[in-house]
Protein backbone atom coordinates (compact mmCIF):
# COMPACT_ATOMS: atom_id res chain seq x y z
CA MET A 1 -2.52 55.81 14.90
CA SER A 2 -4.43 59.29 15.67
CA SER A 3 -5.37 59.58 19.55
CA LEU A 4 -8.95 59.93 20.18
CA ALA A 5 -8.05 62.13 23.24
CA THR A 6 -8.11 65.93 21.73
CA ILE A 7 -6.98 67.70 24.94
CA PRO A 8 -3.34 67.09 25.96
CA PRO A 9 -1.89 66.54 29.41
CA PRO A 10 -1.69 69.77 31.42
CA PRO A 11 1.69 70.82 31.59
CA ALA A 12 1.46 71.80 35.51
CA LEU A 13 0.93 67.78 35.71
CA LEU A 14 4.13 67.12 33.93
CA ARG A 15 5.97 68.63 36.55
CA PRO A 16 7.21 67.54 40.09
CA LEU A 17 5.10 68.94 43.12
CA ASN A 18 6.73 71.71 44.73
CA VAL A 19 5.10 72.69 48.40
CA PRO A 20 7.33 75.24 50.15
CA PRO A 21 7.95 74.91 53.74
CA ARG A 22 6.18 77.64 55.88
CA LEU A 23 5.67 78.19 59.46
CA MET A 24 1.70 78.17 59.60
CA LEU A 25 1.08 80.58 62.56
CA GLY A 26 -2.77 81.68 61.36
CA PRO A 27 -5.79 80.65 62.72
CA GLY A 28 -5.35 76.79 60.93
CA PRO A 29 -4.27 74.72 59.98
CA SER A 30 -1.10 74.44 61.62
CA ASN A 31 1.92 72.72 60.80
CA VAL A 32 2.03 68.78 61.34
CA PRO A 33 4.72 67.33 63.51
CA PRO A 34 6.83 64.65 62.17
CA ARG A 35 5.02 61.82 63.88
CA ILE A 36 1.61 62.70 62.72
CA GLN A 37 3.06 63.21 59.27
CA ALA A 38 4.44 59.72 59.15
CA ALA A 39 1.18 58.45 59.91
CA GLY A 40 -0.11 60.14 56.53
CA GLY A 41 2.60 58.19 54.88
CA LEU A 42 1.41 54.68 55.97
CA HIS A 43 0.28 52.15 53.62
CA LEU A 44 -3.55 52.14 53.29
CA ILE A 45 -5.93 49.44 54.78
CA GLY A 46 -9.32 49.18 53.82
CA HIS A 47 -12.06 51.27 55.08
CA MET A 48 -14.49 48.35 55.93
CA HIS A 49 -11.33 46.17 57.39
CA PRO A 50 -11.24 45.00 61.05
CA GLU A 51 -7.68 47.09 61.52
CA MET A 52 -9.70 50.03 60.47
CA PHE A 53 -12.22 49.43 62.86
CA GLN A 54 -10.05 49.47 65.35
CA ILE A 55 -8.45 52.54 64.72
CA MET A 56 -12.16 54.19 64.72
CA ASP A 57 -12.42 52.94 67.88
CA ASP A 58 -9.31 54.41 69.05
CA ILE A 59 -10.21 57.50 67.56
CA LYS A 60 -13.49 57.39 69.72
CA GLN A 61 -11.76 56.85 72.95
CA GLY A 62 -9.57 59.91 71.81
CA ILE A 63 -12.58 61.86 71.24
CA GLN A 64 -14.44 60.82 74.63
CA TYR A 65 -11.09 61.95 76.17
CA SER A 66 -10.51 65.28 74.48
CA PHE A 67 -14.25 66.34 75.26
CA GLN A 68 -14.48 64.86 78.51
CA THR A 69 -17.94 63.01 77.66
CA GLN A 70 -18.75 59.17 78.23
CA ASN A 71 -21.37 59.64 75.53
CA ASN A 72 -21.61 56.77 73.18
CA LEU A 73 -22.54 58.58 70.15
CA THR A 74 -19.12 59.62 69.32
CA PHE A 75 -17.15 59.78 66.26
CA ALA A 76 -15.26 61.79 63.48
CA VAL A 77 -17.23 63.09 60.71
CA SER A 78 -15.27 62.45 57.19
CA GLY A 79 -14.88 66.52 56.29
CA SER A 80 -14.02 69.55 57.91
CA GLY A 81 -15.24 71.48 60.61
CA HIS A 82 -18.36 72.93 58.18
CA CYS A 83 -18.99 69.30 57.70
CA ALA A 84 -19.63 68.95 61.41
CA MET A 85 -21.50 71.78 61.83
CA GLU A 86 -23.94 70.31 59.07
CA THR A 87 -24.12 67.00 60.84
CA ALA A 88 -25.17 68.73 64.00
CA ILE A 89 -27.73 70.86 62.72
CA PHE A 90 -28.88 68.50 59.62
CA ASN A 91 -29.69 65.85 62.39
CA VAL A 92 -31.12 67.59 65.21
CA VAL A 93 -32.99 70.38 63.25
CA GLU A 94 -36.63 70.07 61.23
CA LYS A 95 -38.27 72.25 59.30
CA GLY A 96 -40.11 75.10 61.61
CA ASP A 97 -38.05 74.23 64.43
CA VAL A 98 -36.70 77.62 66.17
CA VAL A 99 -32.81 77.57 66.70
CA LEU A 100 -31.26 80.53 68.53
CA VAL A 101 -27.83 81.40 67.24
CA ALA A 102 -25.40 83.54 69.33
CA VAL A 103 -23.54 85.84 66.86
CA LYS A 104 -20.11 87.00 67.75
CA GLY A 105 -18.27 86.50 64.78
CA ILE A 106 -18.59 84.65 61.51
CA TRP A 107 -19.20 81.02 63.05
CA GLY A 108 -22.20 81.89 64.36
CA GLU A 109 -23.26 83.46 60.97
CA ARG A 110 -22.38 80.23 59.63
CA ALA A 111 -24.66 78.18 61.78
CA GLY A 112 -27.55 80.53 61.10
CA ASP A 113 -27.25 79.99 57.36
CA ILE A 114 -27.17 76.17 57.65
CA ALA A 115 -30.34 76.21 59.84
CA GLU A 116 -31.99 78.67 57.27
CA ARG A 117 -31.22 76.44 54.47
CA ILE A 118 -33.05 73.52 55.86
CA GLY A 119 -36.02 75.66 57.12
CA ALA A 120 -35.64 76.31 60.40
CA ASP A 121 -36.99 79.36 62.26
CA VAL A 122 -33.95 81.01 62.82
CA ARG A 123 -33.43 83.69 65.50
CA TYR A 124 -30.35 85.80 66.38
CA VAL A 125 -28.58 86.95 69.76
CA SER A 126 -25.59 89.31 68.89
CA LYS A 127 -22.73 90.73 70.42
CA PRO A 128 -20.47 93.18 69.13
CA VAL A 129 -17.02 91.50 67.77
CA GLY A 130 -14.35 90.73 70.25
CA GLU A 131 -16.74 90.32 73.24
CA GLY A 132 -18.51 87.66 74.90
CA PHE A 133 -22.35 86.44 76.19
CA THR A 134 -22.71 86.05 79.54
CA LEU A 135 -25.71 83.81 81.26
CA LYS A 136 -27.91 86.73 81.62
CA ASP A 137 -27.89 87.52 77.91
CA VAL A 138 -28.22 84.19 76.97
CA GLU A 139 -31.40 83.43 79.64
CA LYS A 140 -32.78 86.23 78.11
CA ALA A 141 -32.79 85.21 74.76
CA LEU A 142 -34.15 81.73 75.50
CA ALA A 143 -37.20 83.22 77.26
CA GLU A 144 -37.81 85.54 74.47
CA HIS A 145 -37.15 82.84 71.50
CA LYS A 146 -37.96 79.48 73.13
CA PRO A 147 -36.04 77.65 71.00
CA SER A 148 -35.27 73.94 70.53
CA LEU A 149 -31.37 74.57 69.93
CA PHE A 150 -29.07 76.97 70.97
CA PHE A 151 -25.63 77.42 68.89
CA ILE A 152 -22.47 79.32 70.40
CA THR A 153 -19.09 79.10 69.62
CA HIS A 154 -16.43 78.49 72.38
CA GLY A 155 -13.21 79.82 70.67
CA GLU A 156 -14.08 82.25 67.87
CA SER A 157 -11.12 82.32 66.03
CA SER A 158 -12.75 85.10 63.71
CA SER A 159 -12.09 87.33 66.57
CA GLY A 160 -10.18 85.56 69.12
CA VAL A 161 -12.75 85.29 71.72
CA VAL A 162 -13.24 82.29 74.27
CA GLN A 163 -16.73 81.91 75.61
CA PRO A 164 -17.21 81.07 79.00
CA LEU A 165 -19.15 77.89 79.08
CA ASP A 166 -20.09 76.84 82.64
CA GLY A 167 -23.79 77.22 83.29
CA LEU A 168 -24.90 76.94 79.92
CA GLY A 169 -26.34 73.57 79.94
CA ASP A 170 -28.24 74.10 82.90
CA LEU A 171 -29.79 77.23 81.62
CA CYS A 172 -30.60 75.54 78.10
CA HIS A 173 -31.88 72.54 79.72
CA ARG A 174 -34.39 74.72 81.90
CA TYR A 175 -35.67 76.04 78.77
CA ASN A 176 -36.05 72.60 77.02
CA CYS A 177 -32.97 73.72 74.97
CA LEU A 178 -30.22 71.45 73.16
CA LEU A 179 -26.84 73.34 73.67
CA LEU A 180 -25.08 73.21 70.53
CA VAL A 181 -21.29 74.43 71.08
CA ASP A 182 -18.52 74.73 68.28
CA SER A 183 -14.87 73.91 69.48
CA VAL A 184 -12.82 74.00 66.31
CA ALA A 185 -10.54 76.45 67.37
CA SER A 186 -10.45 75.67 70.98
CA LEU A 187 -10.25 72.09 71.49
CA GLY A 188 -7.06 70.99 73.14
CA GLY A 189 -5.94 74.90 73.87
CA ALA A 190 -9.01 76.09 76.20
CA PRO A 191 -10.67 73.73 79.02
CA ILE A 192 -14.07 72.24 77.84
CA TYR A 193 -15.77 69.72 79.58
CA MET A 194 -18.70 68.32 77.73
CA ASP A 195 -20.52 65.92 80.36
CA LYS A 196 -19.82 68.45 83.19
CA GLN A 197 -20.90 71.91 81.46
CA GLY A 198 -24.14 70.10 80.16
CA ILE A 199 -23.35 70.38 76.18
CA ASP A 200 -25.71 68.39 74.10
CA ILE A 201 -24.00 68.58 70.75
CA LEU A 202 -19.67 69.19 70.57
CA TYR A 203 -17.60 69.15 67.76
CA SER A 204 -14.38 70.16 66.57
CA GLY A 205 -11.73 70.03 63.63
CA SER A 206 -8.79 68.28 63.46
CA GLN A 207 -6.39 70.93 61.79
CA LYS A 208 -5.84 73.18 64.97
CA VAL A 209 -4.40 71.92 68.22
CA LEU A 210 -4.81 68.57 67.16
CA ASN A 211 -2.39 69.10 64.54
CA ALA A 212 -3.81 66.89 62.18
CA PRO A 213 -4.34 67.69 58.30
CA PRO A 214 -7.69 69.25 57.46
CA GLY A 215 -10.56 66.39 56.87
CA THR A 216 -11.76 65.13 59.56
CA ALA A 217 -14.30 66.49 62.44
CA PRO A 218 -14.31 65.08 66.06
CA ILE A 219 -18.27 65.21 67.05
CA SER A 220 -20.10 64.17 70.24
CA PHE A 221 -24.11 63.78 70.86
CA SER A 222 -25.53 63.65 74.47
CA GLU A 223 -28.67 61.33 75.26
CA ALA A 224 -30.95 63.98 74.84
CA ALA A 225 -29.77 65.13 71.51
CA SER A 226 -29.63 61.39 70.35
CA LYS A 227 -33.57 61.29 71.30
CA LYS A 228 -34.45 64.13 69.32
CA MET A 229 -32.60 62.78 66.24
CA PHE A 230 -33.62 59.11 66.40
CA GLY A 231 -37.18 60.41 67.16
CA ARG A 232 -37.39 63.02 64.34
CA LYS A 233 -40.36 62.74 61.69
CA THR A 234 -38.56 63.39 58.79
CA LYS A 235 -35.23 62.44 57.19
CA PRO A 236 -32.33 64.40 57.47
CA PRO A 237 -31.69 66.39 54.46
CA SER A 238 -28.47 64.74 53.81
CA LEU A 239 -27.69 61.16 53.44
CA TYR A 240 -23.93 61.72 54.04
CA VAL A 241 -24.39 62.89 57.47
CA ASP A 242 -27.36 60.99 58.30
CA ILE A 243 -26.73 60.03 62.04
CA LYS A 244 -28.10 56.33 61.79
CA TRP A 245 -25.88 55.86 58.96
CA LEU A 246 -23.00 57.60 60.85
CA ALA A 247 -24.00 55.86 64.06
CA ASN A 248 -23.60 51.97 62.43
CA TYR A 249 -20.23 53.29 60.31
CA TRP A 250 -18.35 54.00 63.85
CA GLY A 251 -19.59 51.23 65.60
CA CYS A 252 -22.23 53.45 68.17
CA ASP A 253 -25.43 51.25 66.95
CA GLY A 254 -24.11 47.51 68.47
CA LYS A 255 -25.24 46.41 64.74
CA PRO A 256 -22.33 44.91 62.51
CA ARG A 257 -20.99 47.69 60.30
CA ILE A 258 -22.12 48.08 56.85
CA TYR A 259 -20.80 50.41 53.62
CA HIS A 260 -21.96 53.90 53.90
CA HIS A 261 -19.15 55.84 52.86
CA THR A 262 -15.26 55.38 52.15
CA GLY A 263 -13.80 57.11 54.83
CA PRO A 264 -10.74 59.25 54.57
CA VAL A 265 -8.49 56.36 55.72
CA THR A 266 -5.35 58.34 55.59
CA ASN A 267 -6.59 61.31 57.59
CA PHE A 268 -8.09 58.52 60.12
CA PHE A 269 -4.59 57.60 60.72
CA THR A 270 -3.46 61.36 61.18
CA LEU A 271 -6.55 62.11 63.60
CA ARG A 272 -5.77 58.98 65.76
CA GLU A 273 -2.05 60.12 65.93
CA GLY A 274 -2.97 63.77 66.99
CA LEU A 275 -5.56 62.20 69.35
CA ALA A 276 -2.71 59.88 71.16
CA VAL A 277 -0.52 63.17 71.32
CA LEU A 278 -2.74 65.02 73.29
CA ALA A 279 -3.49 62.00 75.45
CA GLU A 280 0.43 61.67 75.98
CA LEU A 281 0.92 65.04 76.91
CA GLY A 282 -2.82 65.27 78.98
CA LEU A 283 -5.27 67.87 78.76
CA GLU A 284 -4.65 69.79 81.42
CA ARG A 285 -0.82 70.28 80.21
CA SER A 286 -1.89 71.35 77.18
CA TRP A 287 -4.36 73.71 78.25
CA ALA A 288 -1.60 74.96 80.60
CA VAL A 289 0.78 75.49 77.84
CA HIS A 290 -1.49 77.10 75.23
CA GLN A 291 -2.41 79.29 77.99
CA GLU A 292 1.52 80.45 79.33
CA ASN A 293 2.50 81.07 75.71
CA ALA A 294 -0.39 83.28 74.86
CA LEU A 295 0.31 85.14 77.40
CA LYS A 296 3.86 85.66 76.27
CA LEU A 297 2.73 86.31 73.25
CA HIS A 298 0.43 89.02 74.74
CA LYS A 299 2.75 90.60 76.42
CA GLY A 300 5.36 90.83 73.42
CA VAL A 301 2.94 91.96 71.15
CA GLU A 302 1.91 94.70 73.81
CA ALA A 303 5.60 95.58 74.53
CA LEU A 304 6.07 96.72 70.88
CA GLY A 305 3.14 99.01 70.95
CA LEU A 306 0.43 97.18 69.40
CA LYS A 307 -2.97 96.61 70.88
CA LEU A 308 -4.91 93.20 71.40
CA PHE A 309 -8.05 93.26 69.71
CA VAL A 310 -9.91 91.53 72.76
CA LYS A 311 -10.02 94.05 75.50
CA ASP A 312 -11.22 91.43 78.45
CA PRO A 313 -8.06 89.44 79.43
CA ALA A 314 -10.52 86.51 80.44
CA LEU A 315 -12.48 86.50 77.02
CA ARG A 316 -8.79 85.79 75.04
CA LEU A 317 -8.74 82.47 73.23
CA PRO A 318 -5.17 80.82 74.07
CA THR A 319 -4.85 79.48 70.71
CA VAL A 320 -5.74 82.59 68.26
CA THR A 321 -4.66 85.83 69.53
CA THR A 322 -6.18 89.21 67.64
CA ILE A 323 -4.30 92.37 67.17
CA SER A 324 -6.02 95.16 66.02
CA VAL A 325 -4.60 96.45 62.51
CA PRO A 326 -1.84 99.42 63.41
CA ASN A 327 -2.97 102.82 62.33
CA GLY A 328 -1.61 103.47 58.94
CA TYR A 329 -1.05 100.22 58.05
CA GLU A 330 -3.10 97.76 55.66
CA TRP A 331 -3.54 94.27 57.21
CA LYS A 332 -2.95 92.54 53.73
CA ASP A 333 0.69 94.45 53.61
CA ILE A 334 1.64 93.06 56.74
CA THR A 335 0.82 89.47 56.28
CA THR A 336 2.11 89.77 52.55
CA PHE A 337 5.78 91.07 53.85
CA ILE A 338 5.87 88.16 56.68
CA MET A 339 5.14 85.34 54.07
CA LYS A 340 7.31 86.94 51.36
CA ASN A 341 10.59 87.76 53.55
CA HIS A 342 9.69 84.75 56.42
CA ALA A 343 7.67 82.09 54.94
CA ILE A 344 5.51 82.51 57.85
CA GLU A 345 2.01 82.65 57.68
CA ILE A 346 -0.36 85.18 59.80
CA THR A 347 -3.75 86.13 58.81
CA GLY A 348 -6.28 88.81 58.58
CA GLY A 349 -9.78 89.09 59.65
CA LEU A 350 -12.70 86.92 58.73
CA GLY A 351 -15.96 87.95 58.22
CA PRO A 352 -17.22 90.88 61.08
CA SER A 353 -13.36 91.13 61.74
CA ALA A 354 -12.29 91.61 58.61
CA GLY A 355 -10.15 94.70 57.87
CA LYS A 356 -9.79 95.14 61.78
CA VAL A 357 -7.43 92.55 62.87
CA LEU A 358 -4.44 90.20 62.27
CA ARG A 359 -4.80 86.68 63.80
CA ILE A 360 -1.71 84.62 65.03
CA GLY A 361 -2.55 81.19 65.94
CA LEU A 362 -0.12 79.56 68.62
CA MET A 363 -1.45 75.63 68.37
CA GLY A 364 -0.19 72.28 69.66
CA TYR A 365 2.89 71.95 67.68
CA ASN A 366 3.35 75.62 66.89
CA SER A 367 2.57 76.43 70.36
CA THR A 368 6.16 76.60 71.45
CA GLN A 369 8.22 79.79 72.83
CA ILE A 370 10.90 79.20 70.18
CA ARG A 371 8.20 79.60 67.36
CA LYS A 372 6.81 82.75 69.25
CA HIS A 373 9.82 84.50 69.56
CA GLY A 374 10.71 84.22 66.23
CA LEU A 375 7.43 85.66 65.24
CA LEU A 376 8.12 88.52 67.56
CA LEU A 377 11.17 89.48 66.15
CA ILE A 378 9.81 89.81 62.73
CA TRP A 379 7.59 92.47 64.04
CA ILE A 380 10.58 94.23 65.76
CA VAL A 381 12.37 94.18 62.27
C-alpha cells in the first residue's frame, strides 16, 4: 500500500537529542540548578486544575516578595520579558498617548518600537551607552513632553548599567505620569522596591537571577496603573495579553477563573521554584552576593589589564559586567575561542553596545566565586 505522505521523516529527528553541557556566563539565560531542573521534569497537571491555581498563587506571592509590593494585580506573563513589555504597554497605552522613553541601551529602543506600533506619540530622552539618567535629566524631559507613561530600564543588560530609581516615582506622579520599569536583568541581583519607589508597572524575566528556563515573566501593576487600564476607551490590541483576561486567569479579580489560554505548566513549576530559592536565600542576601561577586570580577578583570566599560562604579550592574573589547581584538574571536575551548558562554554587545563590549553574567546559581575564578583563569591563558 502506497503512503499518502510524500515528505519523509526528517533524518535529524530520527537521531537522539544531544545538548552539550555549557557554563552560561552571558547576559542570560543562566544555568538552571538541579532543584529547578527537577521541577521541570515533574508530571503535568491541567492548567485549570485547583492544584495549578495553588501553584500560580505561590508564584504571585513570590513575585510580590521579589518586587517588594503589595499590589493585587501581580502575576506572570506566559512569555519572555519582551511579552511582559508588550503586556505593560499594550494595556496602559492607547493610540495618541504621549509615551516618554529613556534610552541608554537596546531595551529603551524596544519599548519605543512597541509603543509606536500601537499608535502612541513616542518621545525619547537619551544618554550615551554606558551612562545613566539623573533626576534632573528626567524632570526636564517630563516637563517638556508631558507624557502619560515614562519607561526606563533598571538593569540595562546591553550596556551593564544599573539605573538609580529613588525619586523617579514621586517625580513622575508630580507630572501625572505613570512609571514603567524593566527589571529583567536586575531582579534579585540589585535592590528594587516597587511600592516604596513609586513604580507603577514593573516586570522581569524568569531566566536571569531566578535561574528558571525562559518563557515566563513576572509583572505587577499599581492601583494607579490598574485604574488607567480598566478605564481605557478601547480594547487592548492583543487578546493574549489583555489585562482583564490575565487578571481573571491569575485570580486577581475575585471572580471564578475561566479559560483564557493554556498556561505553560512546566514553566510555572520552574518559576515557582526559582522564586522559592530566592525567598529562602532572602533578597538582602541575594543582593549582597551579587554585589560581592561582581566586585571581585571587576578587580580580576582590571588586574588583567582590561577596562570596564561603565566608568562610574555606582552605575555598574551587579548581574551583567561589560568589558571594553581590547584593542586589536574582535569580540567574536574572543567569545568563539572561549566557547570552543572551554564550553563557556560570554557574549558581545547588543544594540548600541554591539562591537564595543564583552558581556559577562553572574546571576543567581552562577554568581559564585568558583565560577568567577574559572572564567578569569581563561583570560589569563
